[in-house]
N, C-alpha and C. Protein backbone atom coordinates (compact mmCIF):
# COMPACT_ATOMS: atom_id res chain seq x y z
N MET A 1 -57.18 7.71 -4.77
CA MET A 1 -56.10 7.87 -4.10
C MET A 1 -55.73 9.20 -3.95
N ILE A 2 -54.94 10.13 -5.02
CA ILE A 2 -54.45 11.21 -4.82
C ILE A 2 -54.96 12.53 -3.98
N ALA A 3 -56.86 12.24 -4.02
CA ALA A 3 -56.99 13.00 -3.36
C ALA A 3 -57.11 12.92 -1.46
N ALA A 4 -56.53 11.59 -1.71
CA ALA A 4 -56.52 11.45 0.02
C ALA A 4 -55.38 11.52 0.45
N VAL A 5 -54.27 11.25 -0.29
CA VAL A 5 -52.50 11.69 0.03
C VAL A 5 -52.77 13.28 -0.18
N LEU A 6 -52.91 13.63 -0.65
CA LEU A 6 -53.44 15.09 -0.82
C LEU A 6 -53.84 15.89 0.43
N LYS A 7 -54.89 15.47 0.78
CA LYS A 7 -55.73 15.78 2.13
C LYS A 7 -54.86 15.87 3.07
N THR A 8 -54.38 13.74 3.14
CA THR A 8 -53.28 14.11 4.17
C THR A 8 -52.49 14.94 4.42
N LEU A 9 -51.95 15.48 3.68
CA LEU A 9 -50.47 16.04 3.70
C LEU A 9 -50.94 17.58 3.81
N LEU A 10 -52.25 18.01 2.95
CA LEU A 10 -52.33 19.27 3.33
C LEU A 10 -52.81 19.83 4.49
N SER A 11 -53.12 18.77 5.35
CA SER A 11 -53.82 19.08 6.51
C SER A 11 -52.47 18.81 7.84
N GLY A 12 -51.06 18.63 6.98
CA GLY A 12 -49.82 18.99 7.88
C GLY A 12 -49.22 17.60 8.48
N ARG A 13 -50.24 16.41 8.11
CA ARG A 13 -49.49 15.54 8.75
C ARG A 13 -47.84 14.75 7.86
N PHE A 14 -47.70 14.05 8.02
CA PHE A 14 -46.21 13.65 7.75
C PHE A 14 -47.13 11.97 6.73
N VAL A 15 -46.75 11.70 6.04
CA VAL A 15 -46.93 10.36 5.26
C VAL A 15 -45.83 9.40 5.46
N CYS A 16 -45.81 8.19 6.11
CA CYS A 16 -44.96 7.31 6.29
C CYS A 16 -45.21 6.45 6.69
N SER A 17 -44.32 4.98 5.98
CA SER A 17 -44.68 3.46 6.16
C SER A 17 -45.15 2.78 7.36
N VAL A 18 -45.18 3.58 8.44
CA VAL A 18 -46.40 3.52 9.76
C VAL A 18 -47.53 3.99 9.47
N ALA A 19 -47.37 5.06 9.73
CA ALA A 19 -48.82 5.68 10.20
C ALA A 19 -49.23 6.07 8.89
N TYR A 20 -49.01 6.00 7.64
CA TYR A 20 -49.99 5.72 6.12
C TYR A 20 -49.59 5.20 5.47
N PRO A 21 -49.72 3.39 5.57
CA PRO A 21 -48.96 2.97 4.76
C PRO A 21 -49.27 2.69 3.36
N THR A 22 -50.91 3.16 2.84
CA THR A 22 -50.99 2.86 1.83
C THR A 22 -50.74 4.22 1.30
N GLU A 23 -51.01 5.72 1.51
CA GLU A 23 -50.41 6.75 0.85
C GLU A 23 -49.25 6.81 0.58
N TYR A 24 -48.25 5.91 1.21
CA TYR A 24 -46.74 5.90 1.37
C TYR A 24 -46.56 5.56 0.34
N ASN A 25 -46.86 4.05 0.23
CA ASN A 25 -46.94 3.46 -1.22
C ASN A 25 -47.59 3.93 -2.54
N TYR A 26 -48.67 4.68 -2.40
CA TYR A 26 -48.95 5.40 -3.61
C TYR A 26 -47.73 6.40 -3.99
N LEU A 27 -47.41 7.38 -3.39
CA LEU A 27 -45.90 8.22 -3.49
C LEU A 27 -44.69 7.63 -3.28
N SER A 28 -44.64 5.72 -3.74
CA SER A 28 -43.42 5.30 -3.81
C SER A 28 -43.15 5.22 -5.13
N ASP A 29 -44.55 5.49 -6.30
CA ASP A 29 -44.71 5.16 -7.48
C ASP A 29 -44.29 6.56 -8.48
N PRO A 30 -43.74 6.87 -9.01
CA PRO A 30 -42.96 7.70 -9.55
C PRO A 30 -43.87 8.46 -10.45
N GLU A 31 -45.14 8.31 -11.11
CA GLU A 31 -46.21 8.70 -11.85
C GLU A 31 -46.68 9.70 -10.84
N ALA A 32 -47.30 9.00 -9.57
CA ALA A 32 -47.85 9.41 -8.56
C ALA A 32 -47.29 10.58 -8.04
N LEU A 33 -46.10 10.01 -7.80
CA LEU A 33 -45.10 10.91 -7.27
C LEU A 33 -44.90 12.16 -8.02
N ALA A 34 -45.21 12.44 -9.08
CA ALA A 34 -45.20 13.41 -10.37
C ALA A 34 -46.39 14.24 -9.70
N LYS A 35 -47.49 13.47 -9.99
CA LYS A 35 -49.13 14.50 -10.00
C LYS A 35 -49.14 14.84 -8.60
N VAL A 36 -48.83 14.32 -7.75
CA VAL A 36 -48.74 15.33 -6.29
C VAL A 36 -47.84 16.62 -6.23
N GLU A 37 -46.88 16.18 -6.67
CA GLU A 37 -45.64 17.39 -6.46
C GLU A 37 -46.30 18.48 -7.50
N ASP A 38 -46.99 18.43 -8.75
CA ASP A 38 -47.06 19.17 -9.80
C ASP A 38 -48.94 19.81 -9.18
N VAL A 39 -49.68 19.40 -8.37
CA VAL A 39 -50.98 19.84 -7.72
C VAL A 39 -50.61 20.62 -6.40
N LEU A 40 -49.30 20.24 -5.91
CA LEU A 40 -48.41 20.94 -4.47
C LEU A 40 -47.84 22.22 -5.09
N GLY A 41 -47.28 22.06 -6.34
CA GLY A 41 -46.47 23.47 -6.87
C GLY A 41 -47.30 23.91 -7.01
N HIS A 42 -48.75 23.79 -7.63
CA HIS A 42 -49.44 25.18 -8.06
C HIS A 42 -50.06 25.83 -6.77
N MET A 43 -50.35 25.34 -5.74
CA MET A 43 -49.91 25.88 -4.30
C MET A 43 -48.36 26.67 -3.91
N ASP A 44 -47.89 26.82 -4.42
CA ASP A 44 -46.82 27.20 -4.24
C ASP A 44 -46.11 26.64 -2.66
N LEU A 45 -46.75 25.40 -2.86
CA LEU A 45 -46.08 24.11 -2.21
C LEU A 45 -45.00 23.36 -3.07
N ARG A 46 -44.21 21.94 -1.50
CA ARG A 46 -43.20 21.36 -2.38
C ARG A 46 -43.79 20.18 -1.78
N LEU A 47 -43.16 19.35 -1.97
CA LEU A 47 -42.97 17.82 -1.26
C LEU A 47 -41.64 17.78 -0.93
N ALA A 48 -41.16 17.73 0.55
CA ALA A 48 -40.65 17.65 0.95
C ALA A 48 -40.40 15.56 1.98
N ARG A 49 -38.60 15.47 2.46
CA ARG A 49 -39.04 14.16 2.84
C ARG A 49 -38.06 14.30 4.02
N THR A 50 -37.98 13.31 5.18
CA THR A 50 -37.56 13.35 6.47
C THR A 50 -35.73 13.05 5.66
N ASN A 51 -35.47 12.14 4.67
CA ASN A 51 -34.52 11.33 4.22
C ASN A 51 -34.87 11.25 3.16
N PRO A 52 -33.57 11.15 2.59
CA PRO A 52 -33.89 10.73 0.96
C PRO A 52 -34.24 8.83 0.16
N GLU A 53 -34.21 8.15 1.47
CA GLU A 53 -33.88 7.41 1.17
C GLU A 53 -35.14 6.67 1.80
N ASP A 54 -36.04 6.43 2.63
CA ASP A 54 -37.08 6.08 2.99
C ASP A 54 -38.03 6.78 4.32
N GLY A 55 -37.13 8.24 3.82
CA GLY A 55 -37.83 8.83 4.80
C GLY A 55 -39.01 9.14 4.43
N ALA A 56 -39.80 10.26 5.83
CA ALA A 56 -41.54 10.04 5.69
C ALA A 56 -41.76 11.74 4.85
N TYR A 57 -42.84 11.63 3.81
CA TYR A 57 -42.86 12.81 3.24
C TYR A 57 -43.79 13.62 3.63
N TYR A 58 -43.51 15.02 3.50
CA TYR A 58 -44.64 16.27 4.32
C TYR A 58 -44.53 17.93 3.29
N THR A 59 -45.19 18.30 3.61
CA THR A 59 -45.26 19.49 2.34
C THR A 59 -44.52 20.85 3.02
N ALA A 60 -43.94 21.13 1.99
CA ALA A 60 -43.10 22.37 2.54
C ALA A 60 -43.18 23.79 1.98
N PRO A 61 -43.21 25.30 2.40
CA PRO A 61 -43.06 26.05 1.33
C PRO A 61 -41.99 26.20 -0.35
N LYS A 62 -42.35 26.65 -1.24
CA LYS A 62 -41.84 26.22 -2.04
C LYS A 62 -40.70 27.26 -2.74
N ASP A 63 -40.70 28.62 -1.62
CA ASP A 63 -40.22 29.47 -1.75
C ASP A 63 -40.07 30.11 -0.18
N VAL A 64 -38.95 30.58 0.50
CA VAL A 64 -38.99 31.07 1.89
C VAL A 64 -39.43 32.61 1.97
N THR A 65 -40.87 32.89 2.29
CA THR A 65 -41.03 34.26 2.33
C THR A 65 -40.81 34.60 3.76
N THR A 66 -41.47 36.33 4.21
CA THR A 66 -41.58 36.13 5.48
C THR A 66 -42.56 35.69 6.96
N LEU A 67 -43.69 34.86 5.66
CA LEU A 67 -44.95 34.45 6.42
C LEU A 67 -44.19 32.86 7.10
N SER A 68 -43.69 32.32 5.98
CA SER A 68 -43.01 30.93 6.55
C SER A 68 -41.68 31.08 7.17
N VAL A 69 -41.28 32.29 7.31
CA VAL A 69 -40.02 32.69 8.06
C VAL A 69 -40.25 32.83 9.34
N THR A 70 -41.64 33.55 9.75
CA THR A 70 -41.92 33.42 10.54
C THR A 70 -43.13 32.37 11.29
N ARG A 71 -43.93 31.47 10.65
CA ARG A 71 -44.24 30.66 11.36
C ARG A 71 -43.26 29.47 11.49
N LEU A 72 -41.75 29.18 10.77
CA LEU A 72 -40.93 28.10 11.29
C LEU A 72 -40.26 29.07 12.56
N LYS A 73 -39.97 29.86 12.74
CA LYS A 73 -39.68 30.60 14.01
C LYS A 73 -40.69 30.07 15.09
N GLU A 74 -41.89 29.90 15.12
CA GLU A 74 -43.11 29.74 16.52
C GLU A 74 -42.79 28.03 16.21
N ASP A 75 -42.51 27.37 14.90
CA ASP A 75 -42.51 26.17 15.13
C ASP A 75 -41.08 25.93 15.76
N LEU A 76 -40.49 25.96 15.58
CA LEU A 76 -39.06 25.65 16.46
C LEU A 76 -38.84 25.94 17.52
N ARG A 77 -39.65 27.35 18.22
CA ARG A 77 -39.75 27.43 19.73
C ARG A 77 -40.75 26.14 20.53
N ARG A 78 -41.53 25.76 19.60
CA ARG A 78 -42.67 24.96 20.10
C ARG A 78 -41.82 23.39 19.99
N PHE A 79 -41.30 22.98 19.38
CA PHE A 79 -40.51 21.92 19.26
C PHE A 79 -39.25 21.69 20.28
N ARG A 80 -38.90 23.00 20.08
CA ARG A 80 -37.78 23.40 21.89
C ARG A 80 -38.29 22.86 22.92
N ASP A 81 -39.51 23.77 22.90
CA ASP A 81 -40.03 23.79 24.50
C ASP A 81 -40.70 22.96 25.06
N VAL A 82 -41.38 22.60 23.84
CA VAL A 82 -42.73 21.17 24.23
C VAL A 82 -42.33 19.66 24.01
N TYR A 83 -41.39 19.99 22.47
CA TYR A 83 -41.59 18.44 22.42
C TYR A 83 -40.00 17.93 22.76
N GLY A 84 -38.97 18.83 22.82
CA GLY A 84 -37.49 18.01 23.13
C GLY A 84 -37.45 17.58 24.45
N PRO A 85 -37.88 17.96 25.44
CA PRO A 85 -37.86 17.09 26.87
C PRO A 85 -38.19 16.08 26.29
N ALA A 86 -39.83 15.71 25.85
CA ALA A 86 -40.46 14.49 25.83
C ALA A 86 -39.25 13.33 25.42
N VAL A 87 -38.68 13.98 23.82
CA VAL A 87 -37.81 12.94 23.32
C VAL A 87 -36.64 12.78 23.67
N MET A 88 -36.21 13.71 24.58
CA MET A 88 -35.01 13.19 25.43
C MET A 88 -35.27 12.38 26.69
N LEU A 89 -36.83 12.24 27.03
CA LEU A 89 -36.70 11.49 28.15
C LEU A 89 -36.96 9.44 27.24
N LEU A 90 -37.71 10.16 25.83
CA LEU A 90 -37.47 8.79 25.04
C LEU A 90 -35.78 7.97 25.42
N ASP A 91 -35.43 9.26 24.66
CA ASP A 91 -33.78 8.61 24.38
C ASP A 91 -32.79 8.61 25.50
N LEU A 92 -33.22 9.15 27.29
CA LEU A 92 -32.68 8.35 28.21
C LEU A 92 -32.99 7.31 28.21
N ILE A 93 -34.40 6.52 27.54
CA ILE A 93 -34.71 5.38 28.06
C ILE A 93 -34.23 4.85 27.37
N ARG A 94 -33.72 4.49 26.10
CA ARG A 94 -33.69 4.04 25.37
C ARG A 94 -32.30 3.78 25.34
N GLN A 95 -31.17 4.76 26.32
CA GLN A 95 -29.70 4.30 26.72
C GLN A 95 -29.86 3.56 27.62
N THR A 96 -30.97 3.52 28.41
CA THR A 96 -31.15 2.52 29.46
C THR A 96 -31.50 1.31 29.27
N ASN A 97 -31.95 1.06 27.69
CA ASN A 97 -32.36 -0.64 27.64
C ASN A 97 -32.04 -0.44 26.02
N SER A 98 -30.81 0.04 25.58
CA SER A 98 -30.71 0.48 24.17
C SER A 98 -30.97 -1.13 23.63
N THR A 99 -31.34 -2.15 23.79
CA THR A 99 -31.49 -3.30 23.12
C THR A 99 -32.85 -3.48 22.20
N GLU A 100 -33.80 -2.62 23.51
CA GLU A 100 -35.74 -2.96 23.15
C GLU A 100 -35.68 -1.18 21.87
N ILE A 101 -35.13 -0.45 22.45
CA ILE A 101 -35.80 0.71 22.15
C ILE A 101 -34.06 1.53 21.19
N ALA A 102 -34.50 2.15 19.68
CA ALA A 102 -33.31 2.73 19.28
C ALA A 102 -33.87 3.52 18.60
N LEU A 103 -35.34 4.42 18.86
CA LEU A 103 -36.13 5.21 18.82
C LEU A 103 -36.19 5.56 17.00
N SER A 104 -35.88 4.52 15.88
CA SER A 104 -36.07 4.65 14.48
C SER A 104 -37.56 4.66 14.44
N PRO A 105 -38.01 5.01 13.47
CA PRO A 105 -39.28 4.74 12.69
C PRO A 105 -39.14 3.56 12.51
N GLY A 106 -40.83 3.22 12.96
CA GLY A 106 -41.12 1.41 13.04
C GLY A 106 -40.73 0.46 14.27
N ASP A 107 -40.23 1.43 15.13
CA ASP A 107 -39.39 1.09 16.36
C ASP A 107 -41.00 0.79 17.18
N VAL A 108 -40.63 -0.01 18.54
CA VAL A 108 -41.96 -0.35 19.12
C VAL A 108 -41.55 0.04 20.81
N ILE A 109 -42.31 1.29 21.11
CA ILE A 109 -42.49 1.26 22.52
C ILE A 109 -43.53 0.44 23.23
N ARG A 110 -43.46 -0.26 24.63
CA ARG A 110 -44.26 -0.55 25.05
C ARG A 110 -44.42 -0.46 26.70
N LEU A 111 -45.83 0.17 26.57
CA LEU A 111 -45.70 1.37 28.24
C LEU A 111 -45.69 -0.19 29.67
N ALA A 112 -45.86 -0.94 29.61
CA ALA A 112 -45.53 -1.96 30.25
C ALA A 112 -43.73 -2.12 30.86
N ARG A 113 -43.35 -1.96 29.58
CA ARG A 113 -41.64 -1.61 29.84
C ARG A 113 -41.24 -0.93 29.88
N MET A 114 -41.89 0.27 29.86
CA MET A 114 -41.35 1.71 30.49
C MET A 114 -41.64 1.45 31.40
N GLU A 115 -42.57 1.54 32.16
CA GLU A 115 -43.04 1.40 33.28
C GLU A 115 -42.23 0.97 34.36
N GLU A 116 -42.03 -0.52 33.74
CA GLU A 116 -40.39 -1.06 34.39
C GLU A 116 -39.31 -0.18 34.93
N LEU A 117 -38.89 0.17 33.66
CA LEU A 117 -37.59 0.65 33.48
C LEU A 117 -37.00 1.75 34.03
N ILE A 118 -38.58 2.82 33.98
CA ILE A 118 -38.41 3.89 35.49
C ILE A 118 -38.61 3.67 36.41
N ILE A 119 -39.71 2.50 37.30
CA ILE A 119 -39.38 2.55 38.28
C ILE A 119 -38.25 1.95 38.98
N ASP A 120 -37.10 1.41 38.48
CA ASP A 120 -36.17 0.94 38.68
C ASP A 120 -35.23 1.85 38.91
N SER A 121 -35.53 3.08 38.10
CA SER A 121 -34.28 4.44 38.14
C SER A 121 -34.70 5.56 38.91
N ALA A 122 -34.31 5.58 39.81
CA ALA A 122 -34.78 6.99 40.29
C ALA A 122 -34.28 8.58 39.35
N SER A 123 -33.18 8.40 38.69
CA SER A 123 -33.28 9.42 37.60
C SER A 123 -33.89 9.11 36.83
N LEU A 124 -34.59 8.36 36.14
CA LEU A 124 -35.28 8.26 35.14
C LEU A 124 -36.84 8.67 35.54
N GLU A 125 -37.42 8.97 36.77
CA GLU A 125 -38.01 8.73 37.34
C GLU A 125 -38.89 10.62 37.69
N SER A 126 -37.19 11.47 37.90
CA SER A 126 -36.52 12.19 38.39
C SER A 126 -36.93 12.90 36.97
N GLN A 127 -36.34 12.89 35.47
CA GLN A 127 -36.55 13.46 34.40
C GLN A 127 -37.91 13.15 34.35
N LEU A 128 -39.23 12.00 34.11
CA LEU A 128 -40.64 11.99 33.96
C LEU A 128 -41.63 13.05 35.13
N ASN A 129 -40.74 13.37 35.98
CA ASN A 129 -41.64 14.54 36.98
C ASN A 129 -40.92 15.64 36.46
N GLY A 130 -39.95 15.85 35.80
CA GLY A 130 -39.62 17.05 35.16
C GLY A 130 -40.50 17.63 33.94
N LEU A 131 -41.29 16.82 33.66
CA LEU A 131 -41.85 16.95 32.42
C LEU A 131 -43.14 17.73 32.96
N SER A 132 -43.46 17.24 33.92
CA SER A 132 -44.99 18.16 34.50
C SER A 132 -45.98 19.57 33.80
N HIS A 133 -44.92 20.12 33.79
CA HIS A 133 -44.83 21.84 32.96
C HIS A 133 -44.97 21.10 31.46
N VAL A 134 -44.80 20.66 31.09
CA VAL A 134 -44.50 20.76 29.25
C VAL A 134 -46.14 19.56 28.88
N ILE A 135 -46.01 18.43 29.37
CA ILE A 135 -46.77 17.67 29.08
C ILE A 135 -48.38 17.61 29.53
N LYS A 136 -49.45 17.55 28.33
CA LYS A 136 -50.82 17.73 29.01
C LYS A 136 -51.19 17.17 29.87
N GLY A 137 -52.06 17.40 30.54
CA GLY A 137 -52.35 16.69 31.61
C GLY A 137 -51.66 15.81 32.64
N PHE A 138 -50.10 15.83 32.72
CA PHE A 138 -49.26 16.14 33.15
C PHE A 138 -49.41 15.49 35.22
N ASN A 139 -49.23 14.94 35.94
CA ASN A 139 -49.71 15.24 37.44
C ASN A 139 -48.53 14.26 38.16
N PRO A 140 -47.57 14.70 38.54
CA PRO A 140 -46.59 14.04 39.50
C PRO A 140 -47.19 13.64 40.48
N ARG A 141 -48.73 13.71 40.49
CA ARG A 141 -49.46 12.72 41.78
C ARG A 141 -49.63 11.19 40.77
N GLN A 142 -50.30 11.62 39.75
CA GLN A 142 -50.55 9.90 39.00
C GLN A 142 -49.52 9.07 39.15
N SER A 143 -49.65 7.86 38.85
CA SER A 143 -49.20 6.78 38.34
C SER A 143 -47.83 6.80 37.52
N ILE A 144 -46.67 6.39 37.55
CA ILE A 144 -45.65 6.21 36.69
C ILE A 144 -46.08 6.22 35.30
N ARG A 145 -46.96 5.24 35.26
CA ARG A 145 -47.89 4.27 33.68
C ARG A 145 -48.59 5.43 33.40
N GLU A 146 -49.26 6.04 34.51
CA GLU A 146 -50.44 7.03 33.47
C GLU A 146 -49.42 8.43 33.29
N ASN A 147 -47.97 8.47 33.97
CA ASN A 147 -47.87 9.83 33.63
C ASN A 147 -47.07 9.39 32.17
N PHE A 148 -46.36 8.81 32.05
CA PHE A 148 -45.51 8.10 30.75
C PHE A 148 -46.40 8.29 29.91
N ARG A 149 -47.97 7.76 29.87
CA ARG A 149 -48.88 7.55 29.16
C ARG A 149 -49.31 8.98 28.50
N LYS A 150 -49.01 9.83 29.15
CA LYS A 150 -49.42 11.20 28.71
C LYS A 150 -48.51 11.69 28.11
N VAL A 151 -47.05 11.19 28.04
CA VAL A 151 -46.06 11.43 27.37
C VAL A 151 -46.29 10.90 26.07
N LEU A 152 -46.65 9.92 25.79
CA LEU A 152 -46.32 9.27 24.78
C LEU A 152 -48.31 9.60 23.49
N GLU A 153 -49.00 9.81 24.72
CA GLU A 153 -50.68 10.31 23.93
C GLU A 153 -50.16 11.69 23.21
N GLN A 154 -49.09 12.69 23.96
CA GLN A 154 -49.03 13.84 23.28
C GLN A 154 -48.71 13.93 22.33
N LEU A 155 -47.55 12.95 22.25
CA LEU A 155 -46.56 12.36 20.98
C LEU A 155 -47.19 12.12 19.81
N ARG A 156 -48.42 11.28 20.35
CA ARG A 156 -49.29 10.56 19.42
C ARG A 156 -50.02 11.51 18.87
N ASP A 157 -50.43 12.72 19.10
CA ASP A 157 -51.96 13.71 18.88
C ASP A 157 -50.38 14.61 17.66
N GLU A 158 -49.61 14.96 18.16
CA GLU A 158 -48.56 15.16 17.20
C GLU A 158 -48.37 14.40 15.96
N GLY A 159 -48.83 13.42 15.95
CA GLY A 159 -47.55 12.11 14.79
C GLY A 159 -46.95 11.77 14.85
N TYR A 160 -46.19 11.42 16.00
CA TYR A 160 -44.73 11.18 16.15
C TYR A 160 -44.87 9.56 16.55
N VAL A 161 -45.93 9.02 16.95
CA VAL A 161 -46.22 7.67 17.26
C VAL A 161 -47.26 7.46 16.89
N ILE A 162 -47.82 5.97 16.95
CA ILE A 162 -49.19 5.56 16.61
C ILE A 162 -49.29 4.72 17.54
N LEU A 163 -50.86 4.66 17.86
CA LEU A 163 -51.08 3.62 18.96
C LEU A 163 -51.24 2.49 18.38
N PHE A 164 -50.22 1.46 18.40
CA PHE A 164 -50.30 0.46 17.81
C PHE A 164 -50.96 -0.47 18.01
N ASN A 165 -51.41 -1.19 19.59
CA ASN A 165 -52.30 -1.96 20.16
C ASN A 165 -52.56 -1.78 21.49
N PRO A 166 -53.79 -1.27 21.48
CA PRO A 166 -54.52 -0.75 22.36
C PRO A 166 -54.47 -1.39 23.28
N GLN A 167 -54.79 -2.77 22.97
CA GLN A 167 -55.13 -3.59 24.59
C GLN A 167 -53.72 -4.08 25.37
N ALA A 168 -52.51 -3.98 24.80
CA ALA A 168 -51.50 -3.60 24.88
C ALA A 168 -50.63 -2.83 25.83
N ASP A 169 -51.24 -1.68 25.21
CA ASP A 169 -50.46 -0.43 24.85
C ASP A 169 -49.34 -0.38 24.59
N ILE A 170 -49.64 -0.75 23.38
CA ILE A 170 -48.22 -0.44 22.70
C ILE A 170 -48.41 0.45 21.83
N TYR A 171 -47.13 1.25 21.40
CA TYR A 171 -47.18 2.16 20.20
C TYR A 171 -46.10 2.46 19.48
N LYS A 172 -46.29 2.70 18.40
CA LYS A 172 -45.14 2.52 17.16
C LYS A 172 -44.66 4.22 16.66
N ILE A 173 -43.39 4.23 16.57
CA ILE A 173 -42.81 5.37 16.41
C ILE A 173 -42.95 4.99 14.47
N THR A 174 -43.11 6.93 14.51
CA THR A 174 -43.59 7.25 12.83
C THR A 174 -42.24 7.83 12.34
N GLY A 175 -42.62 8.03 10.92
CA GLY A 175 -41.28 8.79 10.37
C GLY A 175 -40.67 10.02 10.76
N LYS A 176 -42.18 10.72 11.48
CA LYS A 176 -41.88 12.06 11.74
C LYS A 176 -41.08 12.08 12.40
N ILE A 177 -40.44 11.39 13.75
CA ILE A 177 -39.66 11.52 14.86
C ILE A 177 -37.93 11.65 14.34
N GLU A 178 -38.14 11.52 12.56
CA GLU A 178 -36.57 12.11 11.78
C GLU A 178 -36.67 13.34 11.96
N HIS A 179 -37.78 13.91 11.43
CA HIS A 179 -38.00 16.02 11.22
C HIS A 179 -37.74 16.16 12.41
N LEU A 180 -38.28 15.52 13.85
CA LEU A 180 -38.31 16.41 15.06
C LEU A 180 -36.62 16.27 15.42
N TYR A 181 -35.61 14.82 15.30
CA TYR A 181 -34.43 15.28 15.82
C TYR A 181 -33.90 16.34 14.43
N SER A 182 -34.12 16.03 13.47
CA SER A 182 -33.34 17.62 12.60
C SER A 182 -33.61 18.93 13.01
N VAL A 183 -34.84 19.24 13.48
CA VAL A 183 -35.18 20.16 14.12
C VAL A 183 -34.70 20.63 15.28
N ILE A 184 -34.67 19.69 16.07
CA ILE A 184 -33.64 20.04 17.33
C ILE A 184 -32.52 19.86 17.08
N GLU A 185 -31.58 19.10 16.52
CA GLU A 185 -30.40 19.32 16.25
C GLU A 185 -30.15 20.91 15.88
N PHE A 186 -31.25 21.34 14.48
CA PHE A 186 -30.14 22.49 13.62
C PHE A 186 -31.01 23.37 15.05
N ILE A 187 -31.63 23.23 16.02
CA ILE A 187 -31.91 24.24 16.97
C ILE A 187 -30.76 24.60 17.75
N SER A 188 -29.96 23.69 18.18
CA SER A 188 -28.96 23.09 19.59
C SER A 188 -27.94 23.91 18.40
N GLU A 189 -27.67 23.41 17.50
CA GLU A 189 -26.24 24.20 16.69
C GLU A 189 -26.44 26.00 16.87
N ASN A 190 -27.63 26.35 15.94
CA ASN A 190 -27.75 27.65 16.19
C ASN A 190 -27.93 28.43 17.49
N GLU A 191 -28.46 28.23 18.18
CA GLU A 191 -28.32 28.67 19.29
C GLU A 191 -26.68 28.60 20.01
N ALA A 192 -25.92 27.78 19.93
CA ALA A 192 -24.56 27.62 19.92
C ALA A 192 -23.82 28.61 19.22
N ILE A 193 -24.63 29.11 17.56
CA ILE A 193 -23.58 30.06 17.25
C ILE A 193 -24.31 31.51 17.40
N GLN A 194 -25.52 31.67 17.84
CA GLN A 194 -25.55 32.95 18.25
C GLN A 194 -25.21 33.49 19.24
N ALA A 195 -25.24 32.18 20.49
CA ALA A 195 -23.80 32.60 21.42
C ALA A 195 -22.96 33.05 21.50
N ASP A 196 -22.17 32.14 20.34
CA ASP A 196 -20.85 32.89 19.98
C ASP A 196 -20.58 34.28 19.44
N ARG A 197 -21.80 34.48 18.90
CA ARG A 197 -21.83 35.60 18.30
C ARG A 197 -22.46 36.98 19.30
N ILE A 198 -22.76 36.49 20.13
CA ILE A 198 -22.92 37.29 21.29
C ILE A 198 -22.21 37.76 22.07
N GLU A 199 -21.18 36.76 22.22
CA GLU A 199 -20.33 36.77 23.44
C GLU A 199 -19.20 37.48 22.73
N ASP A 200 -18.59 37.25 21.43
CA ASP A 200 -17.66 38.56 20.74
C ASP A 200 -18.54 39.64 20.34
N GLU A 201 -19.79 39.81 20.53
CA GLU A 201 -19.79 41.09 20.35
C GLU A 201 -19.56 42.07 21.49
N VAL A 202 -19.92 40.99 22.70
CA VAL A 202 -19.96 41.86 24.41
C VAL A 202 -18.32 42.27 24.35
N VAL A 203 -17.66 41.11 23.86
CA VAL A 203 -15.82 41.17 24.02
C VAL A 203 -15.33 42.56 23.01
N GLU A 204 -15.83 42.39 22.07
CA GLU A 204 -15.63 43.99 21.42
C GLU A 204 -16.12 45.26 21.62
N GLU A 205 -17.59 45.32 22.40
CA GLU A 205 -18.15 46.34 23.20
C GLU A 205 -17.29 46.59 24.02
N GLN A 206 -16.69 45.50 25.26
CA GLN A 206 -15.68 46.08 26.41
C GLN A 206 -14.19 46.68 26.04
N GLN A 207 -13.88 46.00 24.45
CA GLN A 207 -12.94 46.77 24.19
C GLN A 207 -12.84 48.00 23.73
N THR A 208 -14.10 48.34 22.72
CA THR A 208 -14.17 49.73 22.83
C THR A 208 -14.36 50.82 23.99
N LEU A 209 -14.89 50.16 24.94
CA LEU A 209 -14.68 51.02 25.74
C LEU A 209 -13.77 51.16 26.64
N GLY A 210 -13.02 49.99 27.04
CA GLY A 210 -11.95 50.39 27.32
C GLY A 210 -11.34 51.57 26.26
N GLY A 211 -10.78 51.72 25.26
CA GLY A 211 -10.17 52.18 24.50
C GLY A 211 -10.77 53.88 25.15
N MET A 212 -11.92 53.95 25.03
CA MET A 212 -12.25 54.91 25.10
C MET A 212 -11.89 55.70 26.82
N SER A 213 -11.94 54.73 27.40
CA SER A 213 -11.43 55.21 28.97
C SER A 213 -10.07 55.38 28.68
N ASP A 214 -9.04 54.93 27.78
CA ASP A 214 -7.21 55.16 27.66
C ASP A 214 -7.39 56.47 27.00
N ALA A 215 -8.29 56.53 26.29
CA ALA A 215 -7.63 58.17 25.83
C ALA A 215 -8.30 59.00 26.42
């Protein structure tokens, strides 16, 4: 079993109770967890979780190096530019009908219901069409149902949802969604800090130039 768990983790997947229940249960055993951590440690990796209580397991660098920082920056850029808008759309739909969708691990997304919500809201349809440049195969000329399916399928390809019931087009959110939220929050906070720093630098430069002019 440890081989299957390691193969899943080392492929970059997030092991949660929704997407990989068998592997997740295996890691719930302290002895099994210690074995996995020991193997990863010899590969300069560590086992991380999206939250300490019941979060998904994933691998992360044991030590921060130049290579890992570069990779992190690339991952952050991809999260922000590609998956941020899709999750924003899901969150917008959740706000429209919060009694059905909370966007937490294990929550169910019914494609037919999403289609109904978007048809009933010009604002949601506009948001959906706005994703045409970031979602693979997205085409504003296609039906709302097919376009939203593309959104879910891209999130599925990246491990954020699974196709729980193919016949009924029912998807289920995985534990990896918590990691996505954390990254988007991190990006937002740091972009705000960076913007403040740039503004301070501009003000300081203007003051310096102003002082030189007065002299």
